[in-house]
Amino acid sequence: MEFVGRKIETSILDEQLSKIVSAFIVIYGRRRIGKTYFVRDYCERNEIVLLEFTGLFQQNTKKQLEHFIDRINELGLENEFAVPESWTKAFGVLNRFIDKHFSDKKVIIFLDEAPWMDSGKSDFIAAIGDLWDNRIKNDPRKNLVVCGSAASYMLNKIIGNQGPLHNRPTSTIEMQQFNLDLSKQMVKLHNWYIQERSICDVYISIGGVAKYISDLNKTVTPEQAIQEACFNRNGQLNKEYQDLFHSLFKKAKTHYKIMDALSQTWQGLSRSEITKSIEASASTVSKVINELISSGFIEERKEFQNRKKGERLLVSDMFCYFHYKWIKPNKVKDWTSTSRTQSYRSWAGFAFERICQLHTYQIKKKLGIHGVSTETHYWQSKDKEAGGAQIDMLLEHTNGSKNIDIIECKYYDGEFIIDRNYYNQLLQKRSVFDRETGYKYNIRLVLITTEGVKKNQYSNGLNLMEVTLSDLFSPEP
């Protein structure tokens, strides 16, 4: 099957594995994102011998070592190896096995779900250091790939290790979710011919997680596919949320609480607001928040002109939003009907705004400023008499030009019609922002809609820049 996307990740592997010296590559990213499939596909396409070893979830060191040696024995052609007492000895067995059977081939040793392998008080980290220093780095045939979904572990124990792995990795790859364009490619790859609006609806529900998209039933309508996956008792995503954090973090109780708190609001919460809402210590909350950020579930955004105290945390994983609102309450009987309700349409409007915030490159490309450095902020009026003017997406040009874009997002069927009321709202928002920021900026209004803006006296009077849903499907370099 054709492989979708991952051009940057592939180029990193190409560069690393084309050298005359060995490579030590670290790959991390959210569960189900496609890390394992990516490595397998790359090795198959490039005819590289892949020796793959996967950690066992919640098993002790003895079980991990038994599983590791079983895998070598499955690959071997001679008498079985006995289970060693430590990872150092296990990797020694692996090295002898490679020298005997693959002495003239390029080999990748692939330690998948490494955080699971490192169970209890084992010598796993020290053993990887010994494997690299004494058995791999001076043998160009051999290369090491260490992979894991628990980003906090990978960043702290592998990439940022100050002991035996300090400065050992030669390259790091962070695998992220697909954007709308790559999600569309995945859909087409599976011969599911649905329109961009329907792909966006699917994205709103499950995000750009490769495995989620791949597993959807492509013989039914998009609404039926979401029903089967998310709401049927045995659907592959019905219990995914519970398994997700439990598999990534050893003690996930606080992670669930923080994600639930953030999934209730589109505007996000500050660290202090989160600490107060879940009744946990500030140090615990800070640690968990950093783990969720590094794992790609949440992101931090800063308030315009209030960068020291204006940080707000928002969920960046669309499936988590969808789970909290629609799957967790366990009230949906027929998603096709529910997705036609006003309640869903209103919720989807906010979800579309988050999708726009996650596709800044595509927006900048449409606006003709993809080469301009920018920062994305939110802004809240400090003047209570201004009627609570708020801008959820503010694109600041940071090239010294004093240009700034106020971005509004509307997820409607057909062309969006600006009426007198909305026209006045936009003028008021622009006026309040201009006044409270000291009349310093060149302000442009940008409206992102599904199918464009219908021309009338109000749209003509705003000098709007328009971006459509189709523009958000623009490919990245």
Protein backbone atom coordinates (compact mmCIF):
# COMPACT_ATOMS: atom_id res chain seq x y z
CA MET A 1 0.00 0.00 0.00
CA GLU A 2 1.21 3.51 -0.83
CA PHE A 3 2.63 5.48 2.10
CA VAL A 4 1.06 8.86 2.95
CA GLY A 5 3.05 11.91 4.01
CA ARG A 6 6.02 11.89 6.40
CA LYS A 7 8.31 13.64 3.89
CA ILE A 8 10.32 15.44 6.55
CA GLU A 9 10.63 12.30 8.68
CA THR A 10 11.70 10.28 5.64
CA SER A 11 14.33 12.85 4.68
CA ILE A 12 15.80 12.61 8.19
CA LEU A 13 16.13 8.83 7.90
CA ASP A 14 17.58 9.20 4.40
CA GLU A 15 20.21 11.64 5.63
CA GLN A 16 21.09 9.60 8.71
CA LEU A 17 21.23 6.20 7.06
CA SER A 18 23.19 7.34 4.00
CA LYS A 19 26.22 8.22 6.11
CA ILE A 20 29.25 5.97 6.44
CA VAL A 21 28.81 5.98 10.22
CA SER A 22 26.08 4.46 12.37
CA ALA A 23 22.88 6.31 13.31
CA PHE A 24 21.08 6.47 16.66
CA ILE A 25 17.60 7.82 15.92
CA VAL A 26 14.91 8.59 18.50
CA ILE A 27 11.26 8.68 17.39
CA TYR A 28 8.39 9.74 19.60
CA GLY A 29 4.77 10.74 19.13
CA ARG A 30 1.22 10.07 20.20
CA ARG A 31 -0.17 6.52 20.33
CA ARG A 32 -1.64 5.33 16.98
CA ILE A 33 0.16 8.10 15.09
CA GLY A 34 1.98 5.66 12.77
CA LYS A 35 5.50 5.47 14.18
CA THR A 36 5.90 1.71 13.87
CA TYR A 37 4.35 1.55 10.41
CA PHE A 38 6.64 4.37 9.27
CA VAL A 39 9.81 2.53 10.31
CA ARG A 40 8.61 -0.78 8.84
CA ASP A 41 7.63 0.81 5.55
CA TYR A 42 10.92 2.70 5.28
CA CYS A 43 13.00 -0.43 5.82
CA GLU A 44 10.92 -2.43 3.35
CA ARG A 45 11.21 0.24 0.65
CA ASN A 46 14.96 0.60 1.18
CA GLU A 47 15.70 -3.13 1.64
CA ILE A 48 17.12 -2.66 5.13
CA VAL A 49 17.03 -5.55 7.59
CA LEU A 50 14.68 -4.60 10.43
CA LEU A 51 15.08 -6.35 13.76
CA GLU A 52 12.02 -5.20 15.67
CA PHE A 53 11.50 -5.61 19.40
CA THR A 54 8.44 -4.25 21.18
CA GLY A 55 7.99 -3.68 24.90
CA LEU A 56 5.14 -5.32 26.79
CA PHE A 57 2.65 -3.08 28.57
CA GLN A 58 2.85 -3.25 32.39
CA GLN A 59 5.14 -6.30 32.55
CA ASN A 60 8.19 -6.70 34.79
CA THR A 61 11.78 -6.90 33.61
CA LYS A 62 11.83 -10.69 33.58
CA LYS A 63 8.82 -10.83 31.24
CA GLN A 64 10.35 -8.12 29.03
CA LEU A 65 13.61 -10.07 28.70
CA GLU A 66 11.75 -13.31 27.97
CA HIS A 67 9.79 -11.58 25.24
CA PHE A 68 12.95 -10.01 23.79
CA ILE A 69 14.80 -13.33 23.60
CA ASP A 70 11.72 -15.09 22.21
CA ARG A 71 11.80 -12.62 19.35
CA ILE A 72 15.47 -13.36 18.63
CA ASN A 73 14.75 -17.09 18.77
CA GLU A 74 11.90 -16.64 16.28
CA LEU A 75 14.34 -15.00 13.89
CA GLY A 76 17.17 -17.44 14.53
CA LEU A 77 18.22 -20.58 12.69
CA GLU A 78 20.05 -22.35 15.49
CA ASN A 79 19.45 -23.54 19.03
CA GLU A 80 17.44 -21.22 21.20
CA PHE A 81 19.14 -18.61 23.37
CA ALA A 82 18.51 -18.76 27.08
CA VAL A 83 16.88 -15.81 28.82
CA PRO A 84 19.62 -13.49 30.14
CA GLU A 85 19.62 -11.82 33.55
CA SER A 86 19.90 -8.23 32.32
CA TRP A 87 19.40 -5.95 29.33
CA THR A 88 23.15 -5.59 28.92
CA LYS A 89 23.48 -9.33 28.39
CA ALA A 90 20.35 -9.43 26.22
CA PHE A 91 21.78 -6.81 23.87
CA GLY A 92 25.04 -8.78 23.83
CA VAL A 93 23.08 -11.81 22.59
CA LEU A 94 21.45 -9.61 19.93
CA ASN A 95 24.81 -8.30 18.76
CA ARG A 96 26.25 -11.80 18.36
CA PHE A 97 23.10 -12.84 16.49
CA ILE A 98 23.50 -9.94 14.04
CA ASP A 99 27.18 -10.64 13.46
CA LYS A 100 26.42 -14.27 12.66
CA HIS A 101 23.41 -13.84 10.37
CA PHE A 102 23.67 -10.34 8.88
CA SER A 103 27.39 -9.71 8.59
CA ASP A 104 27.06 -8.18 5.11
CA LYS A 105 23.76 -6.28 5.44
CA LYS A 106 22.62 -2.91 6.77
CA VAL A 107 20.58 -3.54 9.91
CA ILE A 108 18.26 -1.41 12.02
CA ILE A 109 17.74 -2.49 15.62
CA PHE A 110 14.27 -1.15 16.37
CA LEU A 111 13.33 -0.88 20.06
CA ASP A 112 9.63 -0.03 19.87
CA GLU A 113 7.68 1.21 22.92
CA ALA A 114 10.96 1.54 24.81
CA PRO A 115 9.25 3.08 27.87
CA TRP A 116 7.46 -0.25 28.42
CA MET A 117 10.73 -2.16 28.18
CA ASP A 118 12.19 -0.06 31.00
CA SER A 119 10.05 -1.58 33.74
CA GLY A 120 11.05 -1.52 37.40
CA LYS A 121 14.67 -1.15 38.47
CA SER A 122 16.39 -2.50 35.39
CA ASP A 123 19.62 -1.62 33.60
CA PHE A 124 17.73 -0.73 30.42
CA ILE A 125 19.07 2.82 29.91
CA ALA A 126 22.64 1.86 30.79
CA ALA A 127 22.35 -1.16 28.49
CA ILE A 128 21.28 1.02 25.55
CA GLY A 129 24.31 3.21 26.21
CA ASP A 130 26.55 0.14 26.23
CA LEU A 131 24.90 -1.23 23.09
CA TRP A 132 25.54 2.02 21.24
CA ASP A 133 29.02 2.79 22.57
CA ASN A 134 30.52 -0.68 22.33
CA ARG A 135 28.55 -2.57 19.69
CA ILE A 136 26.96 -0.19 17.18
CA LYS A 137 28.60 3.20 16.68
CA ASN A 138 31.86 1.77 15.35
CA ASP A 139 30.09 -0.66 13.00
CA PRO A 140 28.45 1.22 10.05
CA ARG A 141 26.29 -1.80 9.22
CA LYS A 142 24.31 -1.39 12.43
CA ASN A 143 21.88 1.39 13.33
CA LEU A 144 19.66 1.95 16.35
CA VAL A 145 16.12 3.33 16.42
CA VAL A 146 14.48 3.85 19.81
CA CYS A 147 10.78 4.64 19.69
CA GLY A 148 8.03 5.40 22.20
CA SER A 149 4.62 6.96 22.65
CA ALA A 150 5.28 8.33 26.15
CA ALA A 151 6.86 11.59 25.04
CA SER A 152 7.84 12.69 28.54
CA TYR A 153 9.86 9.48 28.98
CA MET A 154 11.47 9.80 25.57
CA LEU A 155 12.42 13.44 26.14
CA ASN A 156 13.72 12.99 29.68
CA LYS A 157 15.16 9.47 29.76
CA ILE A 158 16.46 9.14 26.18
CA ILE A 159 16.90 12.50 24.45
CA GLY A 160 17.71 14.60 27.50
CA ASN A 161 19.53 11.88 29.42
CA GLN A 162 22.46 13.23 31.43
CA GLY A 163 23.98 9.81 32.07
CA PRO A 164 24.88 6.94 29.71
CA LEU A 165 22.86 8.34 26.78
CA HIS A 166 24.03 11.94 27.07
CA ASN A 167 24.47 13.35 23.53
CA ARG A 168 24.29 9.84 22.06
CA PRO A 169 21.26 10.19 19.70
CA THR A 170 22.32 11.44 16.28
CA SER A 171 18.82 12.60 15.34
CA THR A 172 15.34 13.02 16.81
CA ILE A 173 11.99 12.71 15.03
CA GLU A 174 8.74 13.98 16.55
CA MET A 175 5.82 12.47 14.67
CA GLN A 176 2.66 14.56 14.70
CA GLN A 177 -0.89 14.03 13.58
CA PHE A 178 -1.82 14.46 9.94
CA ASN A 179 -3.21 17.80 8.84
CA LEU A 180 -6.33 18.04 6.67
CA ASP A 181 -4.41 17.52 3.43
CA LEU A 182 -2.72 14.32 4.59
CA SER A 183 -5.98 13.09 6.13
CA LYS A 184 -7.58 13.58 2.72
CA GLN A 185 -4.78 11.56 1.15
CA MET A 186 -5.40 8.77 3.68
CA VAL A 187 -9.09 8.80 2.86
CA LYS A 188 -8.40 8.58 -0.87
CA LEU A 189 -5.82 5.86 -0.35
CA HIS A 190 -8.60 3.71 1.10
CA ASN A 191 -10.87 4.50 -1.88
CA TRP A 192 -13.32 6.45 0.27
CA TYR A 193 -14.66 9.14 -2.04
CA ILE A 194 -16.11 11.78 0.25
CA GLN A 195 -16.04 15.56 -0.09
CA GLU A 196 -13.74 17.90 1.82
CA ARG A 197 -16.56 19.04 4.11
CA SER A 198 -17.14 15.42 5.16
CA ILE A 199 -13.39 14.88 5.66
CA CYS A 200 -13.38 17.94 7.92
CA ASP A 201 -16.34 16.50 9.87
CA VAL A 202 -14.38 13.28 10.33
CA TYR A 203 -11.32 15.32 11.38
CA ILE A 204 -13.44 17.18 13.94
CA SER A 205 -14.40 13.80 15.39
CA ILE A 206 -11.14 11.84 15.43
CA GLY A 207 -8.40 14.25 14.38
CA GLY A 208 -5.54 13.35 12.07
CA VAL A 209 -4.47 10.11 13.75
CA ALA A 210 -3.43 7.72 10.98
CA LYS A 211 -4.66 4.54 12.70
CA TYR A 212 -8.05 6.05 13.50
CA ILE A 213 -8.60 7.10 9.89
CA SER A 214 -7.31 3.80 8.52
CA ASP A 215 -9.64 1.73 10.71
CA LEU A 216 -12.86 3.55 9.79
CA ASN A 217 -15.39 1.54 7.80
CA LYS A 218 -15.13 2.97 4.27
CA THR A 219 -18.16 1.10 2.91
CA VAL A 220 -20.65 3.30 4.77
CA THR A 221 -21.37 7.02 5.04
CA PRO A 222 -19.01 9.21 7.12
CA GLU A 223 -21.68 9.54 9.82
CA GLN A 224 -22.20 5.78 9.98
CA ALA A 225 -18.44 5.23 10.15
CA ILE A 226 -18.18 7.54 13.18
CA GLN A 227 -21.17 5.79 14.74
CA GLU A 228 -19.53 2.38 14.39
CA ALA A 229 -16.12 3.52 15.61
CA CYS A 230 -17.10 5.82 18.47
CA PHE A 231 -20.58 4.92 19.69
CA ASN A 232 -21.13 1.21 19.11
CA ARG A 233 -20.22 -0.79 22.20
CA ASN A 234 -17.42 -2.68 20.44
CA GLY A 235 -16.28 0.23 18.29
CA GLN A 236 -12.51 0.59 18.04
CA LEU A 237 -12.62 4.11 19.50
CA ASN A 238 -15.39 3.64 22.05
CA LYS A 239 -12.92 2.99 24.88
CA GLU A 240 -9.86 4.54 23.26
CA TYR A 241 -9.78 7.61 25.49
CA GLN A 242 -9.50 5.53 28.65
CA ASP A 243 -6.74 3.38 27.18
CA LEU A 244 -4.89 6.34 25.68
CA PHE A 245 -3.48 8.01 28.77
CA HIS A 246 -3.30 4.82 30.80
CA SER A 247 -0.89 3.38 28.25
CA LEU A 248 1.26 6.53 28.09
CA PHE A 249 1.58 7.53 31.72
CA LYS A 250 2.14 5.35 34.78
CA LYS A 251 -0.19 7.40 36.97
CA ALA A 252 -2.75 8.93 34.63
CA LYS A 253 -5.42 10.10 37.10
CA THR A 254 -4.29 13.74 37.02
CA HIS A 255 -3.84 13.60 33.24
CA TYR A 256 -7.50 12.61 32.84
CA LYS A 257 -8.62 15.40 35.17
CA ILE A 258 -6.65 18.06 33.33
CA MET A 259 -7.83 16.88 29.92
CA ASP A 260 -11.45 16.82 31.11
CA ALA A 261 -11.11 20.35 32.50
CA LEU A 262 -9.60 21.67 29.27
CA SER A 263 -12.07 19.80 27.05
CA GLN A 264 -14.92 21.78 28.62
CA THR A 265 -13.70 25.10 27.22
CA TRP A 266 -12.63 26.34 23.81
CA GLN A 267 -10.94 29.42 25.27
CA GLY A 268 -8.54 27.35 27.39
CA LEU A 269 -7.43 27.72 31.00
CA SER A 270 -4.42 29.13 32.78
CA ARG A 271 -2.23 26.88 34.91
CA SER A 272 -3.63 28.45 38.08
CA GLU A 273 -7.21 27.88 36.89
CA ILE A 274 -6.43 24.24 36.20
CA THR A 275 -4.78 23.81 39.59
CA LYS A 276 -7.86 25.23 41.28
CA SER A 277 -10.38 23.24 39.23
CA ILE A 278 -8.83 19.81 39.86
CA GLU A 279 -7.66 20.50 43.44
CA ALA A 280 -4.08 19.37 42.97
CA SER A 281 -0.75 20.89 43.94
CA ALA A 282 0.81 23.39 41.56
CA SER A 283 3.93 21.23 41.18
CA THR A 284 1.89 18.16 40.23
CA VAL A 285 -0.19 20.12 37.75
CA SER A 286 2.90 21.69 36.19
CA LYS A 287 4.58 18.30 35.75
CA VAL A 288 1.51 16.73 34.15
CA ILE A 289 0.88 19.73 31.90
CA ASN A 290 4.43 19.53 30.59
CA GLU A 291 3.95 15.83 29.88
CA LEU A 292 0.70 16.50 28.00
CA ILE A 293 2.34 19.28 25.97
CA SER A 294 5.31 17.11 25.05
CA SER A 295 2.91 14.29 24.10
CA GLY A 296 0.97 16.55 21.72
CA PHE A 297 -2.36 16.61 23.56
CA ILE A 298 -2.38 20.25 24.60
CA GLU A 299 -0.62 23.45 23.58
CA GLU A 300 0.10 26.77 25.21
CA ARG A 301 -0.94 30.09 23.71
CA LYS A 302 -0.11 33.55 24.95
CA GLU A 303 -2.33 36.58 25.24
CA PHE A 304 -1.33 39.44 22.97
CA GLN A 305 0.79 42.02 24.85
CA ASN A 306 0.53 40.01 28.07
CA ARG A 307 3.04 37.22 27.47
CA LYS A 308 4.26 36.75 31.02
CA LYS A 309 0.89 36.23 32.71
CA GLY A 310 -1.40 35.54 29.80
CA GLU A 311 -0.60 31.92 28.97
CA ARG A 312 -3.60 29.71 28.34
CA LEU A 313 -3.61 25.97 27.70
CA LEU A 314 -5.83 24.47 25.01
CA VAL A 315 -6.49 20.94 23.83
CA SER A 316 -4.81 20.32 20.47
CA ASP A 317 -6.16 16.78 20.03
CA MET A 318 -9.57 16.88 18.35
CA PHE A 319 -10.53 13.36 19.45
CA CYS A 320 -10.24 14.40 23.12
CA TYR A 321 -12.70 17.25 22.58
CA PHE A 322 -15.06 14.93 20.74
CA HIS A 323 -14.83 12.24 23.40
CA TYR A 324 -15.63 14.59 26.26
CA LYS A 325 -18.63 16.19 24.51
CA TRP A 326 -20.21 13.24 22.70
CA ILE A 327 -18.76 9.83 23.63
CA LYS A 328 -18.30 10.17 27.40
CA PRO A 329 -21.95 11.11 28.21
CA ASN A 330 -23.03 7.85 26.52
CA LYS A 331 -26.25 9.39 25.21
CA VAL A 332 -25.79 9.23 21.43
CA LYS A 333 -27.93 6.52 19.85
CA ASP A 334 -27.71 7.58 16.22
CA TRP A 335 -24.82 9.82 15.19
CA THR A 336 -26.36 10.57 11.80
CA SER A 337 -29.29 12.24 13.57
CA THR A 338 -27.18 13.87 16.30
CA SER A 339 -24.81 15.40 13.75
CA ARG A 340 -27.79 17.23 12.19
CA THR A 341 -28.84 18.95 15.45
CA GLN A 342 -28.26 22.59 16.28
CA SER A 343 -26.34 21.50 19.37
CA TYR A 344 -23.77 19.72 17.24
CA ARG A 345 -23.61 22.53 14.68
CA SER A 346 -22.81 25.05 17.41
CA TRP A 347 -20.17 22.76 18.91
CA ALA A 348 -18.67 22.04 15.48
CA GLY A 349 -18.31 25.78 14.91
CA PHE A 350 -15.93 26.01 17.87
CA ALA A 351 -14.16 22.83 16.77
CA PHE A 352 -13.62 24.34 13.33
CA GLU A 353 -11.98 27.34 14.97
CA ARG A 354 -9.50 25.03 16.69
CA ILE A 355 -8.80 23.31 13.38
CA CYS A 356 -8.07 26.71 11.83
CA GLN A 357 -5.64 27.45 14.67
CA LEU A 358 -3.88 24.16 13.90
CA HIS A 359 -3.56 25.08 10.20
CA THR A 360 -1.76 28.40 10.45
CA TYR A 361 0.59 27.56 7.57
CA GLN A 362 -2.34 27.08 5.16
CA ILE A 363 -3.96 30.33 6.30
CA LYS A 364 -0.72 32.27 5.85
CA LYS A 365 -0.25 30.72 2.42
CA LYS A 366 -3.68 31.89 1.30
CA LEU A 367 -3.02 35.36 2.70
CA GLY A 368 0.28 35.50 0.81
CA ILE A 369 2.40 35.78 3.95
CA HIS A 370 3.72 32.21 4.34
CA GLY A 371 7.26 33.59 4.30
CA VAL A 372 6.56 36.15 7.04
CA SER A 373 7.36 35.26 10.65
CA THR A 374 4.22 35.39 12.79
CA GLU A 375 2.92 34.51 16.23
CA THR A 376 -0.63 33.42 17.05
CA HIS A 377 -2.31 34.88 20.13
CA TYR A 378 -5.67 35.40 21.74
CA TRP A 379 -6.82 38.78 23.07
CA GLN A 380 -9.42 39.89 25.61
CA SER A 381 -10.59 43.46 26.07
CA LYS A 382 -9.80 44.98 29.47
CA ASP A 383 -12.60 47.53 29.10
CA LYS A 384 -15.80 46.09 30.59
CA GLU A 385 -17.86 48.72 28.81
CA ALA A 386 -16.58 47.39 25.48
CA GLY A 387 -19.00 44.49 25.74
CA GLY A 388 -16.40 41.80 26.36
CA ALA A 389 -14.70 42.09 22.99
CA GLN A 390 -12.59 38.98 22.47
CA ILE A 391 -10.38 37.71 19.65
CA ASP A 392 -9.60 34.00 19.75
CA MET A 393 -7.17 34.04 16.82
CA LEU A 394 -4.87 36.97 16.31
CA LEU A 395 -2.02 36.63 13.83
CA GLU A 396 0.79 39.04 14.66
CA HIS A 397 3.42 39.71 11.98
CA THR A 398 6.68 39.71 13.92
CA ASN A 399 8.84 41.19 11.16
CA GLY A 400 8.57 44.72 12.54
CA SER A 401 5.83 45.74 10.10
CA LYS A 402 3.11 46.42 12.73
CA ASN A 403 0.72 44.36 10.61
CA ILE A 404 -1.83 42.21 12.43
CA ASP A 405 -4.70 39.97 11.34
CA ILE A 406 -7.93 39.50 13.28
CA ILE A 407 -9.23 36.09 12.21
CA GLU A 408 -12.83 34.91 12.52
CA CYS A 409 -13.96 31.36 11.69
CA LYS A 410 -17.45 30.31 10.58
CA TYR A 411 -18.43 26.69 9.86
CA TYR A 412 -21.68 26.90 7.89
CA ASP A 413 -23.30 25.13 4.97
CA GLY A 414 -23.11 27.18 1.81
CA GLU A 415 -21.87 30.74 1.49
CA PHE A 416 -21.70 32.69 4.74
CA ILE A 417 -23.91 35.78 4.82
CA ILE A 418 -22.75 38.78 6.81
CA ASP A 419 -25.81 40.57 8.19
CA ARG A 420 -26.00 43.97 9.81
CA ASN A 421 -25.57 42.59 13.33
CA TYR A 422 -22.40 40.63 12.53
CA TYR A 423 -21.08 43.57 10.49
CA ASN A 424 -21.40 45.80 13.54
CA GLN A 425 -19.78 43.15 15.76
CA LEU A 426 -16.71 43.04 13.53
CA LEU A 427 -16.43 46.81 13.42
CA GLN A 428 -16.77 46.99 17.20
CA LYS A 429 -14.16 44.29 17.74
CA ARG A 430 -11.69 45.99 15.43
CA SER A 431 -12.35 49.40 16.97
CA VAL A 432 -11.92 48.20 20.57
CA PHE A 433 -8.73 46.32 19.74
CA ASP A 434 -7.32 49.33 17.91
CA ARG A 435 -8.10 51.67 20.79
CA GLU A 436 -6.81 49.42 23.57
CA THR A 437 -3.55 48.68 21.74
CA GLY A 438 -2.82 52.37 21.26
CA TYR A 439 -3.64 52.69 17.54
CA LYS A 440 -0.27 51.12 16.68
CA TYR A 441 -1.21 48.43 14.18
CA ASN A 442 -2.30 47.97 10.59
CA ILE A 443 -5.36 45.81 11.14
CA ARG A 444 -6.79 43.40 8.61
CA LEU A 445 -9.97 41.37 9.04
CA VAL A 446 -9.79 37.75 7.85
CA LEU A 447 -12.84 35.51 7.63
CA ILE A 448 -12.45 31.75 7.28
CA THR A 449 -15.61 30.04 6.02
CA THR A 450 -16.64 26.73 4.53
CA GLU A 451 -17.62 27.95 1.06
CA GLY A 452 -16.82 31.65 1.00
CA VAL A 453 -18.67 34.87 1.82
CA LYS A 454 -21.74 36.02 -0.10
CA LYS A 455 -21.17 39.47 -1.51
CA ASN A 456 -23.49 42.15 -0.13
CA GLN A 457 -23.30 45.70 1.23
CA TYR A 458 -21.87 44.51 4.53
CA SER A 459 -19.13 42.26 3.16
CA ASN A 460 -18.13 44.95 0.70
CA GLY A 461 -17.77 47.47 3.51
CA LEU A 462 -15.24 45.44 5.50
CA ASN A 463 -12.37 44.91 3.03
CA LEU A 464 -12.20 41.31 4.15
CA MET A 465 -9.54 38.79 3.27
CA GLU A 466 -11.26 35.46 2.68
CA VAL A 467 -10.04 31.93 3.38
CA THR A 468 -12.17 28.86 2.65
CA LEU A 469 -12.20 25.31 3.91
CA SER A 470 -10.61 24.21 0.63
CA ASP A 471 -7.63 26.48 1.38
CA LEU A 472 -7.05 24.62 4.65
CA PHE A 473 -6.43 21.46 2.60
CA SER A 474 -3.41 23.05 0.95
CA PRO A 475 -0.32 20.81 1.24
CA GLU A 476 2.70 21.83 3.26
CA PRO A 477 6.23 21.69 1.79
